């Protein structure tokens, strides 16, 4: 296992294709910004996967479970998603889902991840028969769209549900169904994509607009740093009609979270 942790640096086929998160631009950016972290190939790159579920498979049962899993991206693709190498860091259970208050449960985990980044822990390498200082970085989160709201603090419901477009989200309010339908997805395609010219298959018109640019970590923090977040189910909170963001995510307590281009991966 200790040898497999260095697969991304020693055993990977670097042919310019995307086979593994180690081939992504975000992985390379972390290596470029944090040279000390890059020097030790055994340092962990982790992904936090979480999703709320009903453990009994019955919609009438109110019990809810929310596991928080840590995936080790140092390992090769045929190992990193095996049950043996996935760490269950916590299990949030109760009659109700944690929703926006999930940060309360994540506080101990974020403290441990911050310590693993700032100080590290002394670990024995059984392959090289030596001890070394092990550090770790939270590479991204893996979640579905409702859980995206809980982790990022962005309100993914209503007319501005797209976290990239924000106020420019294109939507239609159905007159009889009273539901919100989101449109204009073709703007995310390349400028000369053939789907942009199709009319009958879509809304009867061609698409000429370009997509919005995703927010950087610094831009997101500027939007949420002044939000006064009060946790607790029993306390009444005033809803802000001017800000789409609901809270400052606890993930911003991680020193490197601002520098990540893709912080949340949609499952």
C-alpha atoms as a PDB file:
ATOM      1  CA  UNK A   1       0.000   0.000   0.000  1.00  0.00           C
ATOM      2  CA  UNK A   2       2.814   2.425   0.797  1.00  0.00           C
ATOM      3  CA  UNK A   3       4.251   1.830  -2.662  1.00  0.00           C
ATOM      4  CA  UNK A   4       0.854   2.355  -4.318  1.00  0.00           C
ATOM      5  CA  UNK A   5       0.559   5.775  -2.670  1.00  0.00           C
ATOM      6  CA  UNK A   6       3.350   7.000  -4.962  1.00  0.00           C
ATOM      7  CA  UNK A   7       1.730   5.616  -8.126  1.00  0.00           C
ATOM      8  CA  UNK A   8       0.669   9.082  -9.290  1.00  0.00           C
ATOM      9  CA  UNK A   9       4.308  10.201  -9.365  1.00  0.00           C
ATOM     10  CA  UNK A  10       6.175   7.029 -10.358  1.00  0.00           C
ATOM     11  CA  UNK A  11       3.835   4.546 -12.028  1.00  0.00           C
ATOM     12  CA  UNK A  12       1.513   6.765 -14.067  1.00  0.00           C
ATOM     13  CA  UNK A  13       1.572   6.854 -17.868  1.00  0.00           C
ATOM     14  CA  UNK A  14       1.999  10.546 -18.768  1.00  0.00           C
ATOM     15  CA  UNK A  15       0.793  10.581 -22.379  1.00  0.00           C
ATOM     16  CA  UNK A  16      -1.127  13.872 -22.261  1.00  0.00           C
ATOM     17  CA  UNK A  17      -4.512  12.151 -21.899  1.00  0.00           C
ATOM     18  CA  UNK A  18      -6.827  12.417 -18.899  1.00  0.00           C
ATOM     19  CA  UNK A  19      -6.806   9.024 -17.156  1.00  0.00           C
ATOM     20  CA  UNK A  20      -6.749  10.070 -13.505  1.00  0.00           C
ATOM     21  CA  UNK A  21      -7.158  13.224 -11.361  1.00  0.00           C
ATOM     22  CA  UNK A  22      -3.342  13.423 -11.386  1.00  0.00           C
ATOM     23  CA  UNK A  23      -3.616  14.437 -15.066  1.00  0.00           C
ATOM     24  CA  UNK A  24      -5.933  17.360 -14.298  1.00  0.00           C
ATOM     25  CA  UNK A  25      -4.975  21.010 -14.256  1.00  0.00           C
ATOM     26  CA  UNK A  26      -5.980  21.322 -10.600  1.00  0.00           C
ATOM     27  CA  UNK A  27      -3.502  18.621  -9.553  1.00  0.00           C
ATOM     28  CA  UNK A  28      -0.759  20.418 -11.470  1.00  0.00           C
ATOM     29  CA  UNK A  29      -1.761  23.758  -9.958  1.00  0.00           C
ATOM     30  CA  UNK A  30      -1.407  22.403  -6.421  1.00  0.00           C
ATOM     31  CA  UNK A  31       2.057  21.065  -7.285  1.00  0.00           C
ATOM     32  CA  UNK A  32       2.995  24.451  -8.757  1.00  0.00           C
ATOM     33  CA  UNK A  33       1.756  26.545  -5.823  1.00  0.00           C
ATOM     34  CA  UNK A  34       2.907  24.303  -2.984  1.00  0.00           C
ATOM     35  CA  UNK A  35       6.354  22.968  -3.819  1.00  0.00           C
ATOM     36  CA  UNK A  36       6.995  21.551  -0.343  1.00  0.00           C
ATOM     37  CA  UNK A  37       3.836  19.497  -0.591  1.00  0.00           C
ATOM     38  CA  UNK A  38       4.842  18.253  -4.039  1.00  0.00           C
ATOM     39  CA  UNK A  39       8.275  17.050  -2.897  1.00  0.00           C
ATOM     40  CA  UNK A  40       6.763  14.219  -0.855  1.00  0.00           C
ATOM     41  CA  UNK A  41       4.908  11.925  -3.278  1.00  0.00           C
ATOM     42  CA  UNK A  42       3.346  10.031  -0.366  1.00  0.00           C
ATOM     43  CA  UNK A  43       1.337  13.086   0.733  1.00  0.00           C
ATOM     44  CA  UNK A  44      -2.351  12.369   0.366  1.00  0.00           C
ATOM     45  CA  UNK A  45      -4.770  13.941  -2.105  1.00  0.00           C
ATOM     46  CA  UNK A  46      -8.239  13.314  -0.709  1.00  0.00           C
ATOM     47  CA  UNK A  47     -11.780  13.671  -2.036  1.00  0.00           C
ATOM     48  CA  UNK A  48     -14.705  14.125   0.356  1.00  0.00           C
ATOM     49  CA  UNK A  49     -17.803  12.265  -0.838  1.00  0.00           C
ATOM     50  CA  UNK A  50     -21.087  12.834   0.966  1.00  0.00           C
ATOM     51  CA  UNK A  51     -24.751  12.303   0.187  1.00  0.00           C
ATOM     52  CA  UNK A  52     -27.934  12.051   2.218  1.00  0.00           C
ATOM     53  CA  UNK A  53     -29.920   8.845   2.018  1.00  0.00           C
ATOM     54  CA  UNK A  54     -32.680   6.889   3.705  1.00  0.00           C
ATOM     55  CA  UNK A  55     -31.070   3.733   5.134  1.00  0.00           C
ATOM     56  CA  UNK A  56     -34.369   1.801   5.113  1.00  0.00           C
ATOM     57  CA  UNK A  57     -35.380   2.640   1.539  1.00  0.00           C
ATOM     58  CA  UNK A  58     -38.795   3.889   2.609  1.00  0.00           C
ATOM     59  CA  UNK A  59     -39.994   7.411   1.902  1.00  0.00           C
ATOM     60  CA  UNK A  60     -42.470   7.191   4.774  1.00  0.00           C
ATOM     61  CA  UNK A  61     -39.641   6.656   7.275  1.00  0.00           C
ATOM     62  CA  UNK A  62     -38.170   9.919   8.555  1.00  0.00           C
ATOM     63  CA  UNK A  63     -34.762   8.530   9.506  1.00  0.00           C
ATOM     64  CA  UNK A  64     -31.882  10.012   7.508  1.00  0.00           C
ATOM     65  CA  UNK A  65     -28.217   9.058   7.205  1.00  0.00           C
ATOM     66  CA  UNK A  66     -25.415  11.116   5.715  1.00  0.00           C
ATOM     67  CA  UNK A  67     -22.044   9.324   5.428  1.00  0.00           C
ATOM     68  CA  UNK A  68     -18.873  11.334   4.850  1.00  0.00           C
ATOM     69  CA  UNK A  69     -16.306   9.281   2.921  1.00  0.00           C
ATOM     70  CA  UNK A  70     -12.689  10.142   2.133  1.00  0.00           C
ATOM     71  CA  UNK A  71     -11.256   8.773  -1.129  1.00  0.00           C
ATOM     72  CA  UNK A  72      -7.479   8.554  -1.644  1.00  0.00           C
ATOM     73  CA  UNK A  73      -6.575   9.856  -5.109  1.00  0.00           C
ATOM     74  CA  UNK A  74      -2.904   8.851  -4.793  1.00  0.00           C
ATOM     75  CA  UNK A  75      -3.887   5.307  -5.684  1.00  0.00           C
ATOM     76  CA  UNK A  76      -4.297   4.036  -9.265  1.00  0.00           C
ATOM     77  CA  UNK A  77      -7.826   4.011 -10.741  1.00  0.00           C
ATOM     78  CA  UNK A  78      -8.306   0.299 -10.160  1.00  0.00           C
ATOM     79  CA  UNK A  79      -7.703   0.718  -6.394  1.00  0.00           C
ATOM     80  CA  UNK A  80      -8.809   4.176  -5.257  1.00  0.00           C
ATOM     81  CA  UNK A  81     -12.534   3.344  -5.353  1.00  0.00           C
ATOM     82  CA  UNK A  82     -12.219  -0.041  -3.635  1.00  0.00           C
ATOM     83  CA  UNK A  83     -13.964  -0.365  -0.279  1.00  0.00           C
ATOM     84  CA  UNK A  84     -10.659  -1.230   1.398  1.00  0.00           C
ATOM     85  CA  UNK A  85      -9.196   2.207   0.665  1.00  0.00           C
ATOM     86  CA  UNK A  86     -12.286   4.357   1.304  1.00  0.00           C
ATOM     87  CA  UNK A  87     -12.368   5.879   4.793  1.00  0.00           C
ATOM     88  CA  UNK A  88     -15.653   6.507   6.586  1.00  0.00           C
ATOM     89  CA  UNK A  89     -14.791   9.630   8.558  1.00  0.00           C
ATOM     90  CA  UNK A  90     -18.267  10.131  10.044  1.00  0.00           C
ATOM     91  CA  UNK A  91     -21.894   9.083   9.815  1.00  0.00           C
ATOM     92  CA  UNK A  92     -24.521  11.762  10.476  1.00  0.00           C
ATOM     93  CA  UNK A  93     -27.809  10.134  11.462  1.00  0.00           C
ATOM     94  CA  UNK A  94     -31.060  11.479  12.809  1.00  0.00           C
ATOM     95  CA  UNK A  95     -34.728  12.010  12.097  1.00  0.00           C
ATOM     96  CA  UNK A  96     -33.898  15.024   9.892  1.00  0.00           C
ATOM     97  CA  UNK A  97     -31.270  15.813   7.311  1.00  0.00           C
ATOM     98  CA  UNK A  98     -28.459  18.174   8.399  1.00  0.00           C
ATOM     99  CA  UNK A  99     -28.888  20.387   5.306  1.00  0.00           C
ATOM    100  CA  UNK A 100     -27.334  23.805   5.883  1.00  0.00           C
ATOM    101  CA  UNK A 101     -26.121  22.798   9.352  1.00  0.00           C
ATOM    102  CA  UNK A 102     -23.778  20.142   8.032  1.00  0.00           C
ATOM    103  CA  UNK A 103     -20.861  22.461   8.845  1.00  0.00           C
ATOM    104  CA  UNK A 104     -21.424  21.795  12.552  1.00  0.00           C
ATOM    105  CA  UNK A 105     -20.713  18.103  12.015  1.00  0.00           C
ATOM    106  CA  UNK A 106     -17.813  18.793   9.660  1.00  0.00           C
ATOM    107  CA  UNK A 107     -15.961  21.008  12.156  1.00  0.00           C
ATOM    108  CA  UNK A 108     -13.813  18.194  13.693  1.00  0.00           C
ATOM    109  CA  UNK A 109     -13.002  16.851  10.223  1.00  0.00           C
ATOM    110  CA  UNK A 110     -11.919  20.281   8.965  1.00  0.00           C
ATOM    111  CA  UNK A 111      -9.726  20.716  12.047  1.00  0.00           C
ATOM    112  CA  UNK A 112      -7.998  17.398  11.306  1.00  0.00           C
ATOM    113  CA  UNK A 113      -7.543  18.277   7.633  1.00  0.00           C
ATOM    114  CA  UNK A 114      -6.083  21.667   8.588  1.00  0.00           C
ATOM    115  CA  UNK A 115      -3.627  19.977  10.942  1.00  0.00           C
ATOM    116  CA  UNK A 116      -2.677  17.482   8.222  1.00  0.00           C
ATOM    117  CA  UNK A 117      -1.910  20.427   5.939  1.00  0.00           C
ATOM    118  CA  UNK A 118      -0.089  22.715   8.363  1.00  0.00           C
ATOM    119  CA  UNK A 119       1.828  20.221  10.499  1.00  0.00           C
ATOM    120  CA  UNK A 120       1.282  16.712   9.209  1.00  0.00           C
ATOM    121  CA  UNK A 121       1.674  13.532  11.215  1.00  0.00           C
ATOM    122  CA  UNK A 122       4.616  11.129  11.573  1.00  0.00           C
ATOM    123  CA  UNK A 123       3.886   7.917   9.650  1.00  0.00           C
ATOM    124  CA  UNK A 124       5.943   4.761   9.200  1.00  0.00           C
ATOM    125  CA  UNK A 125       6.511   3.622   5.601  1.00  0.00           C
ATOM    126  CA  UNK A 126       6.622  -0.166   5.589  1.00  0.00           C
ATOM    127  CA  UNK A 127       7.904  -0.303   2.006  1.00  0.00           C
ATOM    128  CA  UNK A 128      10.957   1.921   2.474  1.00  0.00           C
ATOM    129  CA  UNK A 129      11.337   1.107   6.202  1.00  0.00           C
ATOM    130  CA  UNK A 130      11.395   4.730   7.320  1.00  0.00           C
ATOM    131  CA  UNK A 131       9.259   7.347   9.014  1.00  0.00           C
ATOM    132  CA  UNK A 132       8.203  10.562   7.303  1.00  0.00           C
ATOM    133  CA  UNK A 133       5.927  13.559   7.837  1.00  0.00           C
ATOM    134  CA  UNK A 134       2.622  12.832   6.093  1.00  0.00           C
ATOM    135  CA  UNK A 135       0.520  15.788   4.918  1.00  0.00           C
ATOM    136  CA  UNK A 136      -2.821  15.819   3.118  1.00  0.00           C
ATOM    137  CA  UNK A 137      -4.895  18.130   0.933  1.00  0.00           C
ATOM    138  CA  UNK A 138      -8.639  18.020   0.274  1.00  0.00           C
ATOM    139  CA  UNK A 139      -8.643  17.906  -3.521  1.00  0.00           C
ATOM    140  CA  UNK A 140     -12.420  18.285  -4.040  1.00  0.00           C
ATOM    141  CA  UNK A 141     -15.825  17.150  -2.835  1.00  0.00           C
ATOM    142  CA  UNK A 142     -18.081  14.622  -4.585  1.00  0.00           C
ATOM    143  CA  UNK A 143     -21.819  15.197  -4.144  1.00  0.00           C
ATOM    144  CA  UNK A 144     -25.133  15.439  -5.936  1.00  0.00           C
ATOM    145  CA  UNK A 145     -26.801  18.767  -6.650  1.00  0.00           C
ATOM    146  CA  UNK A 146     -28.847  19.080  -3.409  1.00  0.00           C
ATOM    147  CA  UNK A 147     -25.749  18.271  -1.347  1.00  0.00           C
ATOM    148  CA  UNK A 148     -23.884  20.889  -3.384  1.00  0.00           C
ATOM    149  CA  UNK A 149     -26.076  23.500  -1.717  1.00  0.00           C
ATOM    150  CA  UNK A 150     -25.201  22.252   1.775  1.00  0.00           C
ATOM    151  CA  UNK A 151     -21.451  22.142   1.159  1.00  0.00           C
ATOM    152  CA  UNK A 152     -20.956  25.300  -0.891  1.00  0.00           C
ATOM    153  CA  UNK A 153     -23.581  27.520   0.712  1.00  0.00           C
ATOM    154  CA  UNK A 154     -25.170  28.470  -2.620  1.00  0.00           C
ATOM    155  CA  UNK A 155     -28.947  28.323  -2.967  1.00  0.00           C
ATOM    156  CA  UNK A 156     -29.602  25.833  -5.796  1.00  0.00           C
ATOM    157  CA  UNK A 157     -33.374  26.301  -5.691  1.00  0.00           C
ATOM    158  CA  UNK A 158     -35.484  28.913  -7.409  1.00  0.00           C
ATOM    159  CA  UNK A 159     -34.821  31.129 -10.409  1.00  0.00           C
ATOM    160  CA  UNK A 160     -31.046  31.477  -9.837  1.00  0.00           C
ATOM    161  CA  UNK A 161     -30.224  27.835  -9.227  1.00  0.00           C
ATOM    162  CA  UNK A 162     -27.111  27.666 -11.431  1.00  0.00           C
ATOM    163  CA  UNK A 163     -23.995  28.361  -9.304  1.00  0.00           C
ATOM    164  CA  UNK A 164     -22.077  29.428 -12.429  1.00  0.00           C
ATOM    165  CA  UNK A 165     -24.639  31.739 -14.039  1.00  0.00           C
ATOM    166  CA  UNK A 166     -26.028  33.084 -10.723  1.00  0.00           C
ATOM    167  CA  UNK A 167     -28.391  35.994 -11.557  1.00  0.00           C
ATOM    168  CA  UNK A 168     -28.027  35.260 -15.288  1.00  0.00           C
ATOM    169  CA  UNK A 169     -29.605  31.803 -14.958  1.00  0.00           C
ATOM    170  CA  UNK A 170     -32.046  31.269 -17.849  1.00  0.00           C
ATOM    171  CA  UNK A 171     -35.387  29.857 -16.705  1.00  0.00           C
ATOM    172  CA  UNK A 172     -39.059  29.575 -17.629  1.00  0.00           C
ATOM    173  CA  UNK A 173     -41.867  29.447 -15.079  1.00  0.00           C
ATOM    174  CA  UNK A 174     -44.493  26.941 -16.211  1.00  0.00           C
ATOM    175  CA  UNK A 175     -47.951  28.478 -16.111  1.00  0.00           C
ATOM    176  CA  UNK A 176     -49.948  25.375 -15.221  1.00  0.00           C
ATOM    177  CA  UNK A 177     -47.309  23.132 -13.679  1.00  0.00           C
ATOM    178  CA  UNK A 178     -45.973  25.958 -11.458  1.00  0.00           C
ATOM    179  CA  UNK A 179     -42.465  24.619 -11.811  1.00  0.00           C
ATOM    180  CA  UNK A 180     -39.237  26.272 -12.862  1.00  0.00           C
ATOM    181  CA  UNK A 181     -37.618  24.925 -16.038  1.00  0.00           C
ATOM    182  CA  UNK A 182     -34.024  25.869 -16.836  1.00  0.00           C
ATOM    183  CA  UNK A 183     -33.081  26.559 -20.458  1.00  0.00           C
ATOM    184  CA  UNK A 184     -30.254  27.810 -22.697  1.00  0.00           C
ATOM    185  CA  UNK A 185     -27.856  24.979 -21.836  1.00  0.00           C
ATOM    186  CA  UNK A 186     -26.296  25.169 -25.302  1.00  0.00           C
ATOM    187  CA  UNK A 187     -24.354  28.267 -24.281  1.00  0.00           C
ATOM    188  CA  UNK A 188     -21.882  25.937 -22.537  1.00  0.00           C
ATOM    189  CA  UNK A 189     -20.987  24.268 -25.853  1.00  0.00           C
ATOM    190  CA  UNK A 190     -18.110  25.335 -28.068  1.00  0.00           C
ATOM    191  CA  UNK A 191     -18.817  28.372 -30.318  1.00  0.00           C
ATOM    192  CA  UNK A 192     -19.100  26.306 -33.523  1.00  0.00           C
ATOM    193  CA  UNK A 193     -20.827  23.250 -32.085  1.00  0.00           C
ATOM    194  CA  UNK A 194     -23.550  21.961 -34.485  1.00  0.00           C
ATOM    195  CA  UNK A 195     -26.152  21.806 -31.694  1.00  0.00           C
ATOM    196  CA  UNK A 196     -26.030  25.602 -31.459  1.00  0.00           C
ATOM    197  CA  UNK A 197     -27.601  25.883 -34.920  1.00  0.00           C
ATOM    198  CA  UNK A 198     -30.452  23.431 -34.304  1.00  0.00           C
ATOM    199  CA  UNK A 199     -33.866  25.005 -33.797  1.00  0.00           C
ATOM    200  CA  UNK A 200     -36.598  22.351 -33.813  1.00  0.00           C
ATOM    201  CA  UNK A 201     -34.777  20.087 -31.356  1.00  0.00           C
ATOM    202  CA  UNK A 202     -34.579  22.888 -28.786  1.00  0.00           C
ATOM    203  CA  UNK A 203     -36.499  26.148 -28.264  1.00  0.00           C
ATOM    204  CA  UNK A 204     -36.975  27.136 -31.917  1.00  0.00           C
ATOM    205  CA  UNK A 205     -33.974  29.455 -32.117  1.00  0.00           C
ATOM    206  CA  UNK A 206     -30.223  29.276 -32.482  1.00  0.00           C
ATOM    207  CA  UNK A 207     -27.875  29.855 -29.578  1.00  0.00           C
ATOM    208  CA  UNK A 208     -25.263  32.591 -29.961  1.00  0.00           C
ATOM    209  CA  UNK A 209     -24.443  33.516 -26.356  1.00  0.00           C
ATOM    210  CA  UNK A 210     -21.430  32.284 -24.421  1.00  0.00           C
ATOM    211  CA  UNK A 211     -21.466  30.741 -20.968  1.00  0.00           C
ATOM    212  CA  UNK A 212     -20.542  32.583 -17.811  1.00  0.00           C
ATOM    213  CA  UNK A 213     -17.086  32.078 -16.335  1.00  0.00           C
ATOM    214  CA  UNK A 214     -17.085  30.015 -13.100  1.00  0.00           C
ATOM    215  CA  UNK A 215     -16.218  31.929  -9.953  1.00  0.00           C
ATOM    216  CA  UNK A 216     -12.792  31.522  -8.438  1.00  0.00           C
ATOM    217  CA  UNK A 217     -12.327  30.705  -4.771  1.00  0.00           C
ATOM    218  CA  UNK A 218     -11.473  34.328  -3.954  1.00  0.00           C
ATOM    219  CA  UNK A 219     -14.594  35.594  -5.740  1.00  0.00           C
ATOM    220  CA  UNK A 220     -16.813  33.170  -3.842  1.00  0.00           C
ATOM    221  CA  UNK A 221     -15.237  34.161  -0.526  1.00  0.00           C
ATOM    222  CA  UNK A 222     -15.853  37.841  -1.249  1.00  0.00           C
ATOM    223  CA  UNK A 223     -19.559  37.065  -1.653  1.00  0.00           C
ATOM    224  CA  UNK A 224     -19.896  35.097   1.589  1.00  0.00           C
ATOM    225  CA  UNK A 225     -17.348  36.561   4.011  1.00  0.00           C
ATOM    226  CA  UNK A 226     -19.838  39.083   5.416  1.00  0.00           C
ATOM    227  CA  UNK A 227     -22.736  36.639   5.806  1.00  0.00           C
ATOM    228  CA  UNK A 228     -23.822  36.095   9.396  1.00  0.00           C
ATOM    229  CA  UNK A 229     -24.576  32.383   9.569  1.00  0.00           C
ATOM    230  CA  UNK A 230     -26.502  31.128  12.610  1.00  0.00           C
ATOM    231  CA  UNK A 231     -26.685  27.370  13.044  1.00  0.00           C
ATOM    232  CA  UNK A 232     -29.427  25.610  14.943  1.00  0.00           C
ATOM    233  CA  UNK A 233     -32.849  24.329  13.973  1.00  0.00           C
ATOM    234  CA  UNK A 234     -34.716  26.273  16.666  1.00  0.00           C
ATOM    235  CA  UNK A 235     -33.310  29.723  15.909  1.00  0.00           C
ATOM    236  CA  UNK A 236     -35.121  31.949  13.449  1.00  0.00           C
ATOM    237  CA  UNK A 237     -33.001  33.393  10.661  1.00  0.00           C
ATOM    238  CA  UNK A 238     -33.782  36.337   8.451  1.00  0.00           C
ATOM    239  CA  UNK A 239     -33.732  35.368   4.796  1.00  0.00           C
ATOM    240  CA  UNK A 240     -31.735  37.653   2.556  1.00  0.00           C
ATOM    241  CA  UNK A 241     -33.496  38.567  -0.677  1.00  0.00           C
ATOM    242  CA  UNK A 242     -30.426  40.204  -2.185  1.00  0.00           C
ATOM    243  CA  UNK A 243     -27.794  37.467  -1.731  1.00  0.00           C
ATOM    244  CA  UNK A 244     -28.108  34.038  -3.317  1.00  0.00           C
ATOM    245  CA  UNK A 245     -25.432  32.634  -1.027  1.00  0.00           C
ATOM    246  CA  UNK A 246     -26.759  31.317   2.278  1.00  0.00           C
ATOM    247  CA  UNK A 247     -23.586  30.913   4.314  1.00  0.00           C
ATOM    248  CA  UNK A 248     -19.820  30.925   4.373  1.00  0.00           C
ATOM    249  CA  UNK A 249     -18.852  27.290   3.938  1.00  0.00           C
ATOM    250  CA  UNK A 250     -16.629  25.811   6.618  1.00  0.00           C
ATOM    251  CA  UNK A 251     -14.435  24.469   3.815  1.00  0.00           C
ATOM    252  CA  UNK A 252     -12.999  27.994   3.505  1.00  0.00           C
ATOM    253  CA  UNK A 253     -11.245  27.344   6.812  1.00  0.00           C
ATOM    254  CA  UNK A 254      -8.826  25.199   4.813  1.00  0.00           C
ATOM    255  CA  UNK A 255      -5.846  27.427   3.856  1.00  0.00           C
ATOM    256  CA  UNK A 256      -5.721  26.199   0.253  1.00  0.00           C
ATOM    257  CA  UNK A 257      -9.452  26.131  -0.548  1.00  0.00           C
ATOM    258  CA  UNK A 258      -9.239  29.544  -2.249  1.00  0.00           C
ATOM    259  CA  UNK A 259      -6.718  28.258  -4.800  1.00  0.00           C
ATOM    260  CA  UNK A 260      -8.763  25.316  -6.097  1.00  0.00           C
ATOM    261  CA  UNK A 261     -10.453  25.830  -9.457  1.00  0.00           C
ATOM    262  CA  UNK A 262     -12.900  22.918  -9.095  1.00  0.00           C
ATOM    263  CA  UNK A 263     -13.947  22.682  -5.462  1.00  0.00           C
ATOM    264  CA  UNK A 264     -17.151  20.638  -5.872  1.00  0.00           C
ATOM    265  CA  UNK A 265     -17.609  17.782  -8.341  1.00  0.00           C
ATOM    266  CA  UNK A 266     -21.223  16.935  -9.192  1.00  0.00           C
ATOM    267  CA  UNK A 267     -22.073  13.242  -8.986  1.00  0.00           C
END
